[in-house]
Amino acid sequence: MFYVYLIKSLKSDFLYVGTTDDLRRRFAEHSSGRELSTKSYAPFKLIYCEAYRSK
């Protein structure tokens, strides 16, 4: 499965839209600050996601 997701920073109004094939792993990367593009906005909450069978 592939996912399109929307996360929101708990520190600001920053929103991020991404895609992944492993939503739990990817969300953990964002929330822990391991993702460089969102590091300064961590932690996050998951706002929305959609699942697809193919990319």
C-alpha atoms as a PDB file:
ATOM      1  CA  MET A   1       0.000   0.000   0.000  1.00  0.00           C
ATOM      2  CA  PHE A   2       1.018   3.582  -0.625  1.00  0.00           C
ATOM      3  CA  TYR A   3      -0.117   6.513   1.473  1.00  0.00           C
ATOM      4  CA  VAL A   4      -0.615  10.234   1.015  1.00  0.00           C
ATOM      5  CA  TYR A   5      -0.575  11.942   4.392  1.00  0.00           C
ATOM      6  CA  LEU A   6      -0.970  15.342   6.007  1.00  0.00           C
ATOM      7  CA  ILE A   7       0.756  16.154   9.283  1.00  0.00           C
ATOM      8  CA  LYS A   8       0.602  19.295  11.408  1.00  0.00           C
ATOM      9  CA  SER A   9       3.249  20.593  13.757  1.00  0.00           C
ATOM     10  CA  LEU A  10       2.275  20.722  17.418  1.00  0.00           C
ATOM     11  CA  LYS A  11       4.538  23.794  17.798  1.00  0.00           C
ATOM     12  CA  SER A  12       3.221  25.942  14.952  1.00  0.00           C
ATOM     13  CA  ASP A  13       0.759  26.062  12.058  1.00  0.00           C
ATOM     14  CA  PHE A  14       3.207  24.246   9.764  1.00  0.00           C
ATOM     15  CA  LEU A  15       1.560  21.631   7.528  1.00  0.00           C
ATOM     16  CA  TYR A  16       3.365  18.963   5.511  1.00  0.00           C
ATOM     17  CA  VAL A  17       2.020  16.669   2.797  1.00  0.00           C
ATOM     18  CA  GLY A  18       3.979  13.556   1.931  1.00  0.00           C
ATOM     19  CA  THR A  19       3.833  10.089   0.416  1.00  0.00           C
ATOM     20  CA  THR A  20       5.214   6.802   1.685  1.00  0.00           C
ATOM     21  CA  ASP A  21       4.837   3.047   1.572  1.00  0.00           C
ATOM     22  CA  ASP A  22       5.237   2.751   5.374  1.00  0.00           C
ATOM     23  CA  LEU A  23       3.154   5.353   7.195  1.00  0.00           C
ATOM     24  CA  ARG A  24       4.122   4.346  10.748  1.00  0.00           C
ATOM     25  CA  ARG A  25       7.841   4.503  10.024  1.00  0.00           C
ATOM     26  CA  ARG A  26       7.557   7.792   8.143  1.00  0.00           C
ATOM     27  CA  PHE A  27       5.458   9.445  10.852  1.00  0.00           C
ATOM     28  CA  ALA A  28       7.998   8.330  13.470  1.00  0.00           C
ATOM     29  CA  GLU A  29      10.805   9.879  11.395  1.00  0.00           C
ATOM     30  CA  HIS A  30       8.985  13.197  11.223  1.00  0.00           C
ATOM     31  CA  SER A  31       7.974  13.266  14.894  1.00  0.00           C
ATOM     32  CA  SER A  32      11.415  12.331  16.212  1.00  0.00           C
ATOM     33  CA  GLY A  33      13.185  15.020  14.198  1.00  0.00           C
ATOM     34  CA  ARG A  34      15.078  12.553  11.976  1.00  0.00           C
ATOM     35  CA  GLU A  35      13.646  14.128   8.810  1.00  0.00           C
ATOM     36  CA  LEU A  36      15.723  17.165   7.862  1.00  0.00           C
ATOM     37  CA  SER A  37      12.952  19.029   6.010  1.00  0.00           C
ATOM     38  CA  THR A  38      10.590  18.962   9.013  1.00  0.00           C
ATOM     39  CA  LYS A  39      13.048  18.713  11.910  1.00  0.00           C
ATOM     40  CA  SER A  40      12.513  22.225  13.266  1.00  0.00           C
ATOM     41  CA  TYR A  41       8.717  21.748  13.388  1.00  0.00           C
ATOM     42  CA  ALA A  42       8.595  18.409  15.280  1.00  0.00           C
ATOM     43  CA  PRO A  43       6.622  16.913  16.958  1.00  0.00           C
ATOM     44  CA  PHE A  44       3.607  16.345  14.706  1.00  0.00           C
ATOM     45  CA  LYS A  45       0.119  14.964  14.705  1.00  0.00           C
ATOM     46  CA  LEU A  46      -1.349  13.061  11.793  1.00  0.00           C
ATOM     47  CA  ILE A  47      -4.250  15.042  10.320  1.00  0.00           C
ATOM     48  CA  TYR A  48      -5.235  12.914   7.346  1.00  0.00           C
ATOM     49  CA  CYS A  49      -4.138   9.971   5.212  1.00  0.00           C
ATOM     50  CA  GLU A  50      -5.352   8.098   2.150  1.00  0.00           C
ATOM     51  CA  ALA A  51      -4.266   4.599   1.110  1.00  0.00           C
ATOM     52  CA  TYR A  52      -3.703   3.463  -2.469  1.00  0.00           C
ATOM     53  CA  ARG A  53      -2.856   0.075  -3.951  1.00  0.00           C
ATOM     54  CA  SER A  54      -0.261   1.482  -6.323  1.00  0.00           C
ATOM     55  CA  LYS A  55       1.899   4.535  -6.616  1.00  0.00           C
END
